[in-house]
N, C-alpha and C. Protein backbone atom coordinates (compact mmCIF):
# COMPACT_ATOMS: atom_id res chain seq x y z
N MET A 1 56.58 37.83 18.89
CA MET A 1 55.49 36.99 18.54
C MET A 1 54.95 37.42 17.18
N ALA A 2 54.71 36.44 16.37
CA ALA A 2 54.18 36.71 15.03
C ALA A 2 52.66 36.65 15.09
N ALA A 3 52.04 37.62 14.44
CA ALA A 3 50.57 37.66 14.41
C ALA A 3 50.05 36.59 13.46
N ALA A 4 48.96 35.95 13.84
CA ALA A 4 48.38 34.90 13.00
C ALA A 4 47.72 35.56 11.79
N GLU A 5 48.02 35.04 10.63
CA GLU A 5 47.41 35.58 9.40
C GLU A 5 46.01 34.99 9.23
N PRO A 6 45.08 35.79 8.72
CA PRO A 6 43.72 35.26 8.51
C PRO A 6 43.72 34.20 7.43
N ASP A 7 42.86 33.24 7.62
CA ASP A 7 42.75 32.16 6.65
C ASP A 7 41.82 32.61 5.52
N LEU A 8 42.35 32.94 4.36
CA LEU A 8 41.57 33.44 3.24
C LEU A 8 40.76 32.34 2.56
N LYS A 9 41.18 31.10 2.74
CA LYS A 9 40.44 29.99 2.12
C LYS A 9 39.02 29.92 2.67
N ASP A 10 38.86 30.09 3.97
CA ASP A 10 37.53 30.05 4.58
C ASP A 10 36.71 31.27 4.17
N ALA A 11 37.36 32.40 3.98
CA ALA A 11 36.65 33.62 3.61
C ALA A 11 36.10 33.54 2.19
N MET A 12 36.72 32.80 1.30
CA MET A 12 36.30 32.72 -0.10
C MET A 12 35.34 31.57 -0.37
N THR A 13 35.16 30.67 0.58
CA THR A 13 34.27 29.53 0.40
C THR A 13 32.86 29.92 0.81
N PRO A 14 31.88 29.83 -0.11
CA PRO A 14 30.51 30.19 0.25
C PRO A 14 29.92 29.19 1.24
N GLN A 15 29.05 29.68 2.06
CA GLN A 15 28.38 28.83 3.04
C GLN A 15 27.40 27.90 2.32
N SER A 16 26.95 26.88 3.01
CA SER A 16 26.06 25.89 2.43
C SER A 16 24.75 26.53 1.97
N ARG A 17 24.17 27.41 2.77
CA ARG A 17 22.91 28.06 2.41
C ARG A 17 23.10 28.93 1.17
N THR A 18 24.20 29.63 1.09
CA THR A 18 24.48 30.49 -0.06
C THR A 18 24.62 29.66 -1.32
N ARG A 19 25.28 28.53 -1.21
CA ARG A 19 25.42 27.64 -2.38
C ARG A 19 24.06 27.12 -2.82
N THR A 20 23.19 26.78 -1.87
CA THR A 20 21.86 26.29 -2.21
C THR A 20 21.05 27.37 -2.92
N VAL A 21 21.10 28.59 -2.41
CA VAL A 21 20.37 29.68 -3.03
C VAL A 21 20.90 29.95 -4.43
N LEU A 22 22.21 29.93 -4.60
CA LEU A 22 22.80 30.14 -5.92
C LEU A 22 22.41 29.03 -6.89
N ALA A 23 22.38 27.79 -6.42
CA ALA A 23 22.00 26.67 -7.28
C ALA A 23 20.55 26.80 -7.73
N TRP A 24 19.65 27.16 -6.80
CA TRP A 24 18.24 27.33 -7.16
C TRP A 24 18.05 28.50 -8.12
N ALA A 25 18.80 29.58 -7.91
CA ALA A 25 18.70 30.73 -8.80
C ALA A 25 19.16 30.36 -10.20
N LEU A 26 20.22 29.59 -10.29
CA LEU A 26 20.70 29.15 -11.60
C LEU A 26 19.69 28.23 -12.27
N TRP A 27 19.09 27.32 -11.51
CA TRP A 27 18.07 26.43 -12.06
C TRP A 27 16.86 27.21 -12.55
N LEU A 28 16.41 28.19 -11.75
CA LEU A 28 15.26 28.99 -12.12
C LEU A 28 15.53 29.81 -13.38
N ALA A 29 16.73 30.37 -13.48
CA ALA A 29 17.09 31.14 -14.68
C ALA A 29 17.11 30.24 -15.91
N THR A 30 17.62 29.03 -15.75
CA THR A 30 17.67 28.09 -16.87
C THR A 30 16.27 27.69 -17.32
N MET A 31 15.40 27.36 -16.36
CA MET A 31 14.03 26.97 -16.70
C MET A 31 13.27 28.13 -17.34
N SER A 32 13.49 29.34 -16.85
CA SER A 32 12.83 30.51 -17.43
C SER A 32 13.26 30.73 -18.87
N ALA A 33 14.54 30.55 -19.12
CA ALA A 33 15.04 30.70 -20.48
C ALA A 33 14.45 29.63 -21.40
N CYS A 34 14.35 28.41 -20.90
CA CYS A 34 13.76 27.33 -21.71
C CYS A 34 12.29 27.61 -22.00
N ALA A 35 11.55 28.05 -21.01
CA ALA A 35 10.13 28.34 -21.20
C ALA A 35 9.95 29.49 -22.17
N ALA A 36 10.76 30.52 -22.03
CA ALA A 36 10.66 31.66 -22.94
C ALA A 36 10.99 31.23 -24.37
N GLY A 37 11.98 30.39 -24.53
CA GLY A 37 12.33 29.89 -25.86
C GLY A 37 11.21 29.07 -26.46
N LEU A 38 10.55 28.27 -25.65
CA LEU A 38 9.43 27.47 -26.13
C LEU A 38 8.27 28.35 -26.57
N VAL A 39 7.97 29.36 -25.79
CA VAL A 39 6.87 30.27 -26.15
C VAL A 39 7.18 30.98 -27.46
N VAL A 40 8.39 31.46 -27.60
CA VAL A 40 8.77 32.15 -28.84
C VAL A 40 8.69 31.19 -30.02
N ALA A 41 9.17 29.97 -29.84
CA ALA A 41 9.13 28.99 -30.93
C ALA A 41 7.70 28.67 -31.33
N LEU A 42 6.81 28.53 -30.36
CA LEU A 42 5.42 28.25 -30.67
C LEU A 42 4.74 29.42 -31.37
N LEU A 43 5.05 30.63 -30.94
CA LEU A 43 4.43 31.79 -31.56
C LEU A 43 4.95 32.01 -32.98
N VAL A 44 6.19 31.66 -33.22
CA VAL A 44 6.75 31.82 -34.56
C VAL A 44 6.24 30.70 -35.47
N ALA A 45 6.20 29.48 -34.93
CA ALA A 45 5.81 28.34 -35.75
C ALA A 45 4.32 28.38 -36.10
N ARG A 46 3.46 28.73 -35.16
CA ARG A 46 2.02 28.76 -35.41
C ARG A 46 1.40 29.87 -34.58
N PRO A 47 1.26 31.04 -35.17
CA PRO A 47 0.68 32.15 -34.41
C PRO A 47 -0.73 31.80 -33.92
N LEU A 48 -1.04 32.25 -32.74
CA LEU A 48 -2.34 31.96 -32.13
C LEU A 48 -3.36 32.98 -32.63
N THR A 49 -4.26 32.51 -33.47
CA THR A 49 -5.30 33.37 -34.02
C THR A 49 -6.65 32.78 -33.65
N ALA A 50 -7.69 33.53 -33.93
CA ALA A 50 -9.04 33.05 -33.64
C ALA A 50 -9.35 31.80 -34.44
N GLN A 51 -8.84 31.73 -35.67
CA GLN A 51 -9.10 30.55 -36.49
C GLN A 51 -8.41 29.32 -35.91
N VAL A 52 -7.18 29.48 -35.42
CA VAL A 52 -6.47 28.35 -34.82
C VAL A 52 -7.21 27.86 -33.58
N ILE A 53 -7.68 28.80 -32.76
CA ILE A 53 -8.43 28.42 -31.56
C ILE A 53 -9.73 27.72 -31.95
N GLY A 54 -10.41 28.27 -32.95
CA GLY A 54 -11.66 27.66 -33.41
C GLY A 54 -11.45 26.27 -33.98
N ASP A 55 -10.38 26.10 -34.75
CA ASP A 55 -10.09 24.78 -35.31
C ASP A 55 -9.82 23.77 -34.21
N GLY A 56 -9.08 24.19 -33.19
CA GLY A 56 -8.80 23.29 -32.07
C GLY A 56 -10.06 22.91 -31.33
N ALA A 57 -10.95 23.89 -31.14
CA ALA A 57 -12.21 23.61 -30.45
C ALA A 57 -13.09 22.68 -31.28
N LEU A 58 -13.12 22.89 -32.59
CA LEU A 58 -13.93 22.02 -33.45
C LEU A 58 -13.37 20.60 -33.47
N ASP A 59 -12.06 20.47 -33.49
CA ASP A 59 -11.45 19.13 -33.46
C ASP A 59 -11.81 18.41 -32.16
N ALA A 60 -11.73 19.12 -31.04
CA ALA A 60 -12.07 18.51 -29.75
C ALA A 60 -13.54 18.12 -29.71
N LEU A 61 -14.41 18.99 -30.21
CA LEU A 61 -15.83 18.70 -30.24
C LEU A 61 -16.13 17.51 -31.14
N ASN A 62 -15.46 17.43 -32.27
CA ASN A 62 -15.64 16.32 -33.20
C ASN A 62 -15.24 15.00 -32.54
N ARG A 63 -14.10 15.00 -31.83
CA ARG A 63 -13.66 13.78 -31.15
C ARG A 63 -14.67 13.35 -30.09
N GLU A 64 -15.19 14.32 -29.32
CA GLU A 64 -16.17 14.00 -28.29
C GLU A 64 -17.45 13.43 -28.90
N LEU A 65 -17.90 14.05 -29.97
CA LEU A 65 -19.13 13.59 -30.64
C LEU A 65 -18.95 12.17 -31.17
N LEU A 66 -17.82 11.89 -31.80
CA LEU A 66 -17.57 10.54 -32.31
C LEU A 66 -17.49 9.52 -31.18
N ALA A 67 -16.93 9.91 -30.05
CA ALA A 67 -16.86 8.99 -28.91
C ALA A 67 -18.26 8.67 -28.39
N VAL A 68 -19.12 9.69 -28.32
CA VAL A 68 -20.50 9.46 -27.86
C VAL A 68 -21.25 8.57 -28.83
N VAL A 69 -21.08 8.80 -30.13
CA VAL A 69 -21.74 7.97 -31.14
C VAL A 69 -21.26 6.53 -31.04
N ASP A 70 -19.96 6.34 -30.87
CA ASP A 70 -19.43 4.98 -30.73
C ASP A 70 -20.02 4.27 -29.52
N GLN A 71 -20.11 4.97 -28.39
CA GLN A 71 -20.67 4.36 -27.19
C GLN A 71 -22.16 4.08 -27.35
N THR A 72 -22.85 4.94 -28.05
CA THR A 72 -24.29 4.75 -28.25
C THR A 72 -24.58 3.59 -29.18
N MET A 73 -23.77 3.42 -30.18
CA MET A 73 -24.01 2.38 -31.18
C MET A 73 -23.65 0.98 -30.66
N GLN A 74 -22.85 0.88 -29.63
CA GLN A 74 -22.48 -0.43 -29.10
C GLN A 74 -23.48 -0.83 -28.03
N PRO A 75 -24.20 -1.93 -28.23
CA PRO A 75 -25.17 -2.35 -27.23
C PRO A 75 -24.47 -2.89 -25.99
N THR A 76 -25.15 -2.78 -24.86
CA THR A 76 -24.57 -3.30 -23.62
C THR A 76 -24.77 -4.80 -23.50
N SER A 77 -25.76 -5.33 -24.23
CA SER A 77 -25.97 -6.79 -24.22
C SER A 77 -26.34 -7.22 -25.63
N THR A 78 -26.07 -8.50 -25.92
CA THR A 78 -26.35 -9.01 -27.26
C THR A 78 -27.83 -9.31 -27.46
N SER A 79 -28.61 -9.33 -26.39
CA SER A 79 -30.03 -9.66 -26.56
C SER A 79 -30.76 -8.62 -27.41
N LEU A 80 -30.24 -7.39 -27.41
CA LEU A 80 -30.86 -6.37 -28.25
C LEU A 80 -30.73 -6.72 -29.72
N TRP A 81 -29.66 -7.38 -30.10
CA TRP A 81 -29.42 -7.72 -31.49
C TRP A 81 -30.11 -9.04 -31.88
N LEU A 82 -30.34 -9.91 -30.90
CA LEU A 82 -30.87 -11.23 -31.20
C LEU A 82 -32.39 -11.29 -31.11
N ARG A 83 -33.05 -10.29 -30.57
CA ARG A 83 -34.49 -10.29 -30.41
C ARG A 83 -35.16 -10.23 -31.79
N PRO A 84 -36.20 -11.04 -32.03
CA PRO A 84 -36.89 -10.97 -33.33
C PRO A 84 -37.59 -9.63 -33.48
N PRO A 85 -37.74 -9.16 -34.71
CA PRO A 85 -38.41 -7.88 -34.93
C PRO A 85 -39.86 -7.95 -34.50
N ALA A 86 -40.37 -6.83 -33.98
CA ALA A 86 -41.77 -6.77 -33.53
C ALA A 86 -42.69 -6.72 -34.75
N ARG A 87 -43.90 -7.31 -34.60
CA ARG A 87 -44.88 -7.29 -35.69
C ARG A 87 -45.45 -5.88 -35.82
N GLN A 88 -45.64 -5.47 -36.99
CA GLN A 88 -46.23 -4.15 -37.22
C GLN A 88 -47.68 -4.33 -37.68
N GLU A 89 -48.58 -3.61 -37.07
CA GLU A 89 -49.99 -3.66 -37.45
C GLU A 89 -50.17 -2.83 -38.71
N PRO A 90 -51.05 -3.29 -39.62
CA PRO A 90 -51.31 -2.49 -40.82
C PRO A 90 -51.96 -1.16 -40.46
N VAL A 91 -51.62 -0.16 -41.18
CA VAL A 91 -52.15 1.18 -40.93
C VAL A 91 -53.56 1.28 -41.51
N GLY A 92 -54.46 1.88 -40.78
CA GLY A 92 -55.83 2.11 -41.25
C GLY A 92 -56.74 0.91 -41.09
N GLY A 93 -56.38 -0.03 -40.35
CA GLY A 93 -57.33 -0.98 -40.05
C GLY A 93 -57.37 -2.33 -40.38
């Protein structure tokens, strides 16, 4: 009787869970490399300094202030613009 030889094809094929873990590990390594490259590119292109942070904060504040001024200057109804001016009493009598 001849002994049955082990099937090496099954031994070399990774299980489904192992393949899933390997795929996620590869994806995570790829995303980490992309994120690290982006951080390095941003730091090289425009170093983060106090002036850069201040300029960004001033730009945001300027945009907010202009938005508030625009909303304030626009009346909610046209009657405010169409009303005749009020009479002014002379000063001192």
